[in-house]
Amino acid sequence: MTLNGVEEEGQSELGRSLLRRKALTADWMPAFTAVPRSAFLPELIWPFDMDSGATVAVDLREEPGLWFSYAHADVPIVTQWDDGTSEGRGQVPTSSASMPSVVFRMLTDLDVQLGQRILEIGTGTGWNAALLAHRVGGGNVVTVEVDADVAADARDRLAPTQPSITVLTRDGEQGDPPGGPYDRLIATAGVRRIPPAWIADVKPGGLILAPWGTHFTSLDAVARLRVGDDGTKASGRFTGPVEFMKLRGQRSPFAGHDVYVTDGVTGADRSTTTVTEPELLGEGRFAAAPFAVGLRVRDCHHQPAEKRDGARPVWFYGLTDRSWACVMFTEGRPRAQVWQAGPRRLWDEVAAALAWWRAAGEPSYERFGLTVAAAGQQAWLDRPAEAWDI
């Protein structure tokens, strides 16, 4: 795809915007200029409209101007629904082109150098792999994609400029044992556990960069983990919040509200709490409180409902049994009503975790870290020596 003058200006304006916001650093500018995202997008895309908060269908053949305006905008773009079973807009987005600002922040965190070998998990459109290849050389990039159709399309888009990139069609959790060890591994799909294969795929001292989170929410934080000298574990801090589509084998096991709450709140234990809605949910989409609570309350999913008539219920569901809890926040009332049922007292666990976070000074994402080994995962605050199992 060749850019005309108008389209080149759109690409240039995006670059200037990313530089102003320090999402794009000068060392990545040559790759950004040489590898436009538009060259890796299908004709039919579903950009996320930041004003309406919804995805909108845009076809290059029908609205080329609008298509390119989104291609050169700092917005995520859905490229597949329902694992490819829906030709049009489906129910669940399952492949996408990430926001350019997120792409370049993660590439900066990856700290790649010329000649290093890179393993990417989640090929998607192929844009991220092409950017990496421009920096380290195409023969040094291997990318893994679980979806055969997505992988084939990426190969086609990469072929004109980066034919030496290897695109493997397989489950990304398996990594690439025959091709390792690599200097760097980057995942462009969210995970809830770091596969042991990824640690084995990376050289001691190398980096693993992955969007990681708990099942408490759908949000992730970028974990930047360095593989230890003995090659058996990796540890490091989170660099900031993001949200990615999850690896297919690590999607949420939440079975749905009706499986848990079969008879309303009848029979549940009742109490009240002075915890407020802002204290629990935080301010903004990427508030730190839910992330911190998710690190402390294992195997739990929470789901805030829409506010109606001044009242908002927030539900909690145990993922290893059928325990559930609900806290009802009502405007003008100093205490919220709480219901709990099942073997676990989920609200008590959540309230204790929230109190712990507040006592620690309400730490942001960057003060938390993750240590991963074959035996499992541990989270920590400030010091790895004080980690806990998650």
Protein backbone atom coordinates (compact mmCIF):
# COMPACT_ATOMS: atom_id res chain seq x y z
CA MET A 1 0.00 0.00 0.00
CA THR A 2 1.52 3.33 -1.09
CA LEU A 3 0.68 6.47 0.84
CA ASN A 4 -0.31 9.60 -1.06
CA GLY A 5 0.40 13.11 0.20
CA VAL A 6 -2.69 13.38 2.40
CA GLU A 7 -2.08 9.96 3.90
CA GLU A 8 1.59 10.76 4.53
CA GLU A 9 0.53 13.88 6.39
CA GLY A 10 -1.76 11.78 8.57
CA GLN A 11 1.15 9.46 9.37
CA SER A 12 3.41 12.44 10.11
CA GLU A 13 0.86 14.09 12.38
CA LEU A 14 0.48 10.87 14.36
CA GLY A 15 4.25 10.73 14.76
CA ARG A 16 4.40 14.33 15.98
CA SER A 17 1.61 13.65 18.46
CA LEU A 18 3.32 10.54 19.82
CA LEU A 19 6.62 12.40 20.17
CA ARG A 20 4.94 15.28 22.05
CA ARG A 21 3.42 12.81 24.50
CA LYS A 22 6.72 10.92 24.80
CA ALA A 23 5.02 7.69 23.70
CA LEU A 24 7.39 7.53 20.72
CA THR A 25 11.11 8.02 21.33
CA ALA A 26 13.58 9.32 18.77
CA ASP A 27 15.28 5.95 18.37
CA TRP A 28 12.01 4.36 17.21
CA MET A 29 11.15 7.19 14.80
CA PRO A 30 12.89 5.59 11.76
CA ALA A 31 10.86 2.41 12.22
CA PHE A 32 7.64 4.38 12.69
CA THR A 33 8.30 6.31 9.47
CA ALA A 34 9.28 3.27 7.42
CA VAL A 35 6.53 0.95 8.67
CA PRO A 36 3.08 2.65 8.62
CA ARG A 37 0.30 0.87 10.47
CA SER A 38 -2.01 1.37 7.49
CA ALA A 39 0.03 -1.14 5.45
CA PHE A 40 -0.93 -3.90 7.88
CA LEU A 41 -4.66 -3.32 8.25
CA PRO A 42 -7.42 -5.17 6.35
CA GLU A 43 -9.87 -3.27 4.19
CA LEU A 44 -12.67 -3.69 6.74
CA ILE A 45 -11.76 -2.46 10.22
CA TRP A 46 -13.58 -1.61 13.45
CA PRO A 47 -11.82 1.33 15.14
CA PHE A 48 -12.69 2.24 18.69
CA ASP A 49 -14.31 5.67 18.58
CA MET A 50 -12.97 7.61 21.57
CA ASP A 51 -15.91 10.03 21.58
CA SER A 52 -18.77 7.51 21.49
CA GLY A 53 -16.96 4.69 23.30
CA ALA A 54 -18.02 2.19 20.63
CA THR A 55 -16.48 0.37 17.69
CA VAL A 56 -17.47 1.58 14.23
CA ALA A 57 -17.17 -0.35 10.97
CA VAL A 58 -15.10 1.39 8.28
CA ASP A 59 -14.45 -0.08 4.82
CA LEU A 60 -11.50 1.23 2.79
CA ARG A 61 -13.38 0.56 -0.45
CA GLU A 62 -16.31 2.75 0.61
CA GLU A 63 -14.77 5.42 2.88
CA PRO A 64 -11.03 5.68 2.11
CA GLY A 65 -10.62 9.07 3.77
CA LEU A 66 -12.22 7.93 7.02
CA TRP A 67 -10.34 4.61 6.86
CA PHE A 68 -6.95 6.34 6.66
CA SER A 69 -7.90 8.86 9.36
CA TYR A 70 -8.44 5.96 11.75
CA ALA A 71 -5.38 4.08 10.51
CA HIS A 72 -3.26 7.10 11.45
CA ALA A 73 -5.06 7.81 14.73
CA ASP A 74 -3.98 6.74 18.19
CA VAL A 75 -6.89 4.34 18.65
CA PRO A 76 -7.16 0.56 18.86
CA ILE A 77 -8.66 -1.15 15.81
CA VAL A 78 -10.49 -4.47 15.92
CA THR A 79 -9.62 -6.71 12.96
CA GLN A 80 -11.39 -9.96 13.92
CA TRP A 81 -14.50 -10.98 15.87
CA ASP A 82 -15.37 -14.27 17.57
CA ASP A 83 -12.14 -16.05 16.59
CA GLY A 84 -12.98 -15.52 12.94
CA THR A 85 -16.43 -17.14 12.97
CA SER A 86 -18.12 -13.78 12.28
CA GLU A 87 -17.44 -12.03 8.99
CA GLY A 88 -18.94 -8.78 10.20
CA ARG A 89 -19.14 -7.28 13.66
CA GLY A 90 -19.61 -10.12 16.12
CA GLN A 91 -19.94 -10.42 19.88
CA VAL A 92 -16.33 -10.58 21.11
CA PRO A 93 -13.30 -8.86 19.56
CA THR A 94 -10.51 -11.44 19.20
CA SER A 95 -7.75 -9.77 17.19
CA SER A 96 -6.75 -6.16 16.78
CA ALA A 97 -4.16 -3.52 15.99
CA SER A 98 -3.18 -1.89 19.26
CA MET A 99 -3.03 1.85 19.89
CA PRO A 100 0.26 3.17 18.46
CA SER A 101 1.07 4.88 21.77
CA VAL A 102 0.80 1.54 23.58
CA VAL A 103 2.83 -0.24 20.88
CA PHE A 104 5.76 2.16 21.16
CA ARG A 105 5.70 2.38 24.94
CA MET A 106 6.03 -1.39 25.06
CA LEU A 107 8.76 -1.43 22.42
CA THR A 108 10.66 1.14 24.47
CA ASP A 109 10.25 -1.02 27.59
CA LEU A 110 11.58 -4.00 25.61
CA ASP A 111 14.94 -2.21 25.15
CA VAL A 112 15.97 -3.98 21.94
CA GLN A 113 19.36 -3.61 20.29
CA LEU A 114 20.55 -4.26 16.74
CA GLY A 115 21.19 -7.94 16.15
CA GLN A 116 19.22 -9.24 19.13
CA ARG A 117 16.86 -12.16 18.53
CA ILE A 118 13.22 -11.44 19.39
CA LEU A 119 10.30 -13.79 19.96
CA GLU A 120 6.86 -12.20 19.66
CA ILE A 121 3.74 -13.93 20.99
CA GLY A 122 0.64 -12.76 19.11
CA THR A 123 1.38 -11.75 15.52
CA GLY A 124 -1.96 -10.06 14.87
CA THR A 125 -1.66 -7.79 11.84
CA GLY A 126 2.13 -8.16 11.71
CA TRP A 127 2.79 -4.45 12.34
CA ASN A 128 4.61 -4.96 15.64
CA ALA A 129 6.84 -7.65 14.13
CA ALA A 130 7.66 -5.37 11.19
CA LEU A 131 8.65 -2.54 13.54
CA LEU A 132 10.92 -4.90 15.46
CA ALA A 133 12.45 -6.23 12.23
CA HIS A 134 13.27 -2.72 11.07
CA ARG A 135 15.20 -2.24 14.30
CA VAL A 136 16.99 -5.61 14.73
CA GLY A 137 16.82 -7.23 11.29
CA GLY A 138 14.05 -9.43 9.90
CA GLY A 139 16.01 -12.65 10.31
CA ASN A 140 16.14 -11.98 14.05
CA VAL A 141 12.35 -11.84 14.57
CA VAL A 142 10.11 -14.87 15.08
CA THR A 143 6.43 -14.27 15.73
CA VAL A 144 3.79 -16.77 16.86
CA GLU A 145 0.06 -16.64 16.02
CA VAL A 146 -2.55 -19.18 17.13
CA ASP A 147 -5.09 -18.32 14.41
CA ALA A 148 -4.15 -19.79 11.02
CA ASP A 149 -6.06 -17.17 9.01
CA VAL A 150 -4.61 -14.26 10.98
CA ALA A 151 -1.12 -15.75 10.59
CA ALA A 152 -1.57 -16.18 6.82
CA ASP A 153 -2.74 -12.59 6.40
CA ALA A 154 0.24 -11.33 8.41
CA ARG A 155 2.66 -13.34 6.26
CA ASP A 156 1.15 -11.77 3.13
CA ARG A 157 1.53 -8.25 4.55
CA LEU A 158 5.07 -8.87 5.75
CA ALA A 159 6.28 -10.51 2.52
CA PRO A 160 6.92 -7.35 0.44
CA THR A 161 9.27 -5.71 2.96
CA GLN A 162 10.19 -8.27 5.64
CA PRO A 163 10.13 -11.73 4.04
CA SER A 164 12.77 -13.03 6.46
CA ILE A 165 10.47 -12.74 9.50
CA THR A 166 9.34 -16.21 10.58
CA VAL A 167 5.61 -16.47 11.34
CA LEU A 168 4.74 -19.65 13.27
CA THR A 169 1.15 -20.88 13.57
CA ARG A 170 0.81 -22.42 17.02
CA ASP A 171 -0.40 -21.78 20.55
CA GLY A 172 1.68 -18.93 21.90
CA GLU A 173 1.83 -20.51 25.37
CA GLN A 174 4.18 -23.12 23.88
CA GLY A 175 6.73 -20.48 22.93
CA ASP A 176 9.39 -21.60 20.47
CA PRO A 177 11.75 -24.13 22.11
CA PRO A 178 13.48 -25.12 18.82
CA GLY A 179 14.27 -21.49 18.01
CA GLY A 180 15.52 -20.37 21.40
CA PRO A 181 17.13 -19.00 23.33
CA TYR A 182 16.06 -15.44 22.50
CA ASP A 183 17.30 -12.12 23.86
CA ARG A 184 13.79 -10.74 24.24
CA LEU A 185 10.21 -12.03 24.33
CA ILE A 186 7.24 -9.72 23.90
CA ALA A 187 3.60 -10.74 24.16
CA THR A 188 0.87 -8.71 22.47
CA ALA A 189 -1.94 -10.65 24.15
CA GLY A 190 -2.94 -10.43 27.80
CA VAL A 191 -2.01 -13.27 30.15
CA ARG A 192 -3.04 -14.35 33.63
CA ARG A 193 0.03 -16.54 34.10
CA ILE A 194 3.43 -16.45 32.46
CA PRO A 195 3.98 -19.83 30.74
CA PRO A 196 7.15 -21.62 31.94
CA ALA A 197 8.04 -22.13 28.26
CA TRP A 198 8.57 -18.40 27.91
CA ILE A 199 11.21 -18.36 30.63
CA ALA A 200 12.98 -21.30 28.98
CA ASP A 201 12.87 -19.47 25.63
CA VAL A 202 14.81 -16.43 26.91
CA LYS A 203 18.51 -16.23 27.72
CA PRO A 204 19.59 -15.55 31.32
CA GLY A 205 19.59 -11.78 31.67
CA GLY A 206 17.06 -11.41 28.84
CA LEU A 207 13.68 -9.70 29.10
CA ILE A 208 10.08 -10.87 28.97
CA LEU A 209 7.51 -8.13 28.38
CA ALA A 210 3.86 -9.11 28.69
CA PRO A 211 0.47 -7.58 29.53
CA TRP A 212 -0.38 -9.41 32.76
CA GLY A 213 -3.29 -9.24 35.15
CA THR A 214 -5.64 -11.17 37.39
CA HIS A 215 -9.15 -12.38 36.66
CA PHE A 216 -10.47 -9.72 39.06
CA THR A 217 -10.78 -7.39 36.05
CA SER A 218 -10.19 -7.55 32.29
CA LEU A 219 -7.40 -4.98 32.57
CA ASP A 220 -3.68 -5.71 32.43
CA ALA A 221 -0.41 -4.11 33.44
CA VAL A 222 2.82 -4.45 31.48
CA ALA A 223 5.15 -6.80 33.35
CA ARG A 224 8.83 -6.26 32.54
CA LEU A 225 10.61 -9.38 33.78
CA ARG A 226 14.31 -10.19 33.64
CA VAL A 227 15.26 -13.86 33.47
CA GLY A 228 17.60 -14.86 36.29
CA ASP A 229 21.15 -16.12 35.90
CA ASP A 230 20.13 -19.75 36.34
CA GLY A 231 17.34 -19.44 33.77
CA THR A 232 14.66 -20.87 36.04
CA LYS A 233 12.72 -17.75 37.01
CA ALA A 234 11.99 -14.20 35.92
CA SER A 235 11.20 -11.15 38.02
CA GLY A 236 10.51 -7.46 37.60
CA ARG A 237 8.14 -4.56 38.03
CA PHE A 238 5.05 -3.41 36.18
CA THR A 239 5.51 -0.37 33.96
CA GLY A 240 1.88 0.76 33.69
CA PRO A 241 -1.70 -0.21 32.87
CA VAL A 242 -2.98 -1.47 29.50
CA GLU A 243 -5.77 -3.69 28.21
CA PHE A 244 -5.19 -6.46 25.67
CA MET A 245 -7.24 -9.30 24.27
CA LYS A 246 -6.29 -12.43 26.17
CA LEU A 247 -4.46 -15.53 24.99
CA ARG A 248 -7.11 -18.03 23.97
CA GLY A 249 -6.02 -20.51 26.63
CA GLN A 250 -6.15 -17.88 29.38
CA ARG A 251 -9.49 -16.21 28.89
CA SER A 252 -11.68 -15.62 31.92
CA PRO A 253 -13.28 -18.77 33.41
CA PHE A 254 -16.18 -16.71 34.81
CA ALA A 255 -19.34 -18.74 34.13
CA GLY A 256 -21.84 -15.88 34.33
CA HIS A 257 -23.95 -14.28 37.03
CA ASP A 258 -26.88 -16.69 36.83
CA VAL A 259 -24.69 -19.67 37.70
CA TYR A 260 -23.88 -18.07 41.05
CA VAL A 261 -26.97 -16.16 42.07
CA THR A 262 -29.81 -18.58 41.45
CA ASP A 263 -32.39 -17.12 43.84
CA GLY A 264 -31.55 -13.45 44.18
CA VAL A 265 -30.02 -12.43 47.50
CA THR A 266 -32.42 -14.62 49.45
CA GLY A 267 -30.55 -16.59 52.09
CA ALA A 268 -27.31 -14.61 51.79
CA ASP A 269 -25.60 -13.20 54.88
CA ARG A 270 -26.23 -9.49 55.25
CA SER A 271 -24.11 -6.69 56.65
CA THR A 272 -23.08 -3.12 55.85
CA THR A 273 -19.84 -1.34 55.06
CA THR A 274 -18.49 2.21 55.20
CA VAL A 275 -16.32 1.60 52.11
CA THR A 276 -17.43 4.04 49.44
CA GLU A 277 -17.85 3.50 45.72
CA PRO A 278 -14.86 5.74 44.78
CA GLU A 279 -12.66 3.94 47.32
CA LEU A 280 -13.50 0.56 45.82
CA LEU A 281 -13.57 1.38 42.10
CA GLY A 282 -11.10 4.26 42.03
CA GLU A 283 -11.12 7.15 39.59
CA GLY A 284 -10.83 6.42 35.89
CA ARG A 285 -10.61 3.27 33.82
CA PHE A 286 -7.10 2.36 34.95
CA ALA A 287 -7.43 3.11 38.65
CA ALA A 288 -4.85 1.28 40.77
CA ALA A 289 -7.23 0.10 43.51
CA PRO A 290 -8.90 -2.76 41.55
CA PHE A 291 -5.50 -3.93 40.30
CA ALA A 292 -4.12 -4.03 43.85
CA VAL A 293 -7.19 -5.80 45.22
CA GLY A 294 -6.95 -8.39 42.45
CA LEU A 295 -3.38 -9.14 43.50
CA ARG A 296 -4.51 -9.86 47.06
CA VAL A 297 -7.82 -11.67 46.48
CA ARG A 298 -7.09 -14.81 44.49
CA ASP A 299 -9.49 -16.51 42.08
CA CYS A 300 -12.10 -13.77 42.14
CA HIS A 301 -13.88 -11.80 39.42
CA HIS A 302 -15.66 -8.52 40.09
CA GLN A 303 -18.26 -6.79 37.97
CA PRO A 304 -19.69 -3.31 38.64
CA ALA A 305 -23.22 -2.93 37.28
CA GLU A 306 -24.65 0.22 35.75
CA LYS A 307 -25.91 2.85 38.16
CA ARG A 308 -29.70 3.15 38.20
CA ASP A 309 -31.80 5.55 40.26
CA GLY A 310 -28.78 6.49 42.33
CA ALA A 311 -27.85 2.88 43.18
CA ARG A 312 -25.00 0.72 41.87
CA PRO A 313 -24.40 -2.92 42.78
CA VAL A 314 -20.86 -4.30 42.53
CA TRP A 315 -20.69 -8.10 42.33
CA PHE A 316 -17.88 -10.50 43.25
CA TYR A 317 -17.66 -14.14 42.15
CA GLY A 318 -15.34 -16.91 43.31
CA LEU A 319 -13.70 -18.75 40.42
CA THR A 320 -12.96 -22.01 42.24
CA ASP A 321 -16.39 -22.42 43.86
CA ARG A 322 -19.77 -20.68 43.74
CA SER A 323 -19.12 -18.09 46.43
CA TRP A 324 -20.44 -14.63 45.63
CA ALA A 325 -20.90 -11.22 47.24
CA CYS A 326 -22.60 -7.97 46.36
CA VAL A 327 -22.19 -4.47 47.75
CA MET A 328 -24.91 -1.93 46.93
CA PHE A 329 -23.86 1.71 46.88
CA THR A 330 -26.75 4.16 47.13
CA GLU A 331 -26.41 7.91 46.81
CA GLY A 332 -27.06 9.75 50.08
CA ARG A 333 -26.52 6.73 52.31
CA PRO A 334 -23.37 6.64 54.48
CA ARG A 335 -23.27 2.83 54.58
CA ALA A 336 -23.60 0.34 51.74
CA GLN A 337 -25.57 -2.89 52.00
CA VAL A 338 -23.54 -6.11 51.62
CA TRP A 339 -24.67 -9.66 50.79
CA GLN A 340 -22.37 -12.71 50.86
CA ALA A 341 -22.95 -16.38 50.16
CA GLY A 342 -20.87 -19.52 49.75
CA PRO A 343 -17.77 -20.97 51.45
CA ARG A 344 -15.76 -17.76 50.99
CA ARG A 345 -16.63 -14.36 52.39
CA LEU A 346 -15.55 -12.53 49.28
CA TRP A 347 -16.50 -9.05 50.42
CA ASP A 348 -14.52 -9.50 53.63
CA GLU A 349 -11.50 -10.50 51.53
CA VAL A 350 -11.95 -7.52 49.21
CA ALA A 351 -12.40 -5.06 52.09
CA ALA A 352 -9.26 -6.38 53.79
CA ALA A 353 -7.27 -6.08 50.56
CA LEU A 354 -8.51 -2.54 50.03
CA ALA A 355 -7.53 -1.60 53.60
CA TRP A 356 -4.07 -3.09 53.02
CA TRP A 357 -3.62 -1.04 49.84
CA ARG A 358 -4.66 2.17 51.57
CA ALA A 359 -2.35 1.49 54.54
CA ALA A 360 0.54 1.02 52.08
CA GLY A 361 0.00 4.55 50.75
CA GLU A 362 -2.27 3.66 47.83
CA PRO A 363 0.62 2.49 45.62
CA SER A 364 0.37 2.79 41.84
CA TYR A 365 1.12 0.05 39.33
CA GLU A 366 4.84 0.80 39.18
CA ARG A 367 5.44 -0.15 42.83
CA PHE A 368 4.15 -3.67 42.25
CA GLY A 369 6.17 -6.51 40.79
CA LEU A 370 5.94 -10.11 39.68
CA THR A 371 8.20 -13.13 40.12
CA VAL A 372 7.55 -16.22 38.00
CA ALA A 373 9.00 -19.73 38.14
CA ALA A 374 7.86 -23.19 37.11
CA ALA A 375 6.29 -23.63 40.56
CA GLY A 376 4.01 -20.61 40.19
CA GLN A 377 3.74 -16.83 40.41
CA GLN A 378 4.23 -14.36 43.22
CA ALA A 379 3.36 -10.68 43.42
CA TRP A 380 5.15 -8.14 45.56
CA LEU A 381 5.07 -4.51 46.62
CA ASP A 382 8.39 -2.66 46.50
CA ARG A 383 10.51 -5.65 47.55
CA PRO A 384 10.59 -9.13 45.94
CA ALA A 385 11.60 -10.61 49.28
CA GLU A 386 8.10 -9.89 50.62
CA ALA A 387 6.17 -11.63 47.85
CA TRP A 388 2.95 -13.60 48.14
CA ASP A 389 1.49 -16.37 45.98
CA ILE A 390 -1.11 -15.40 43.42
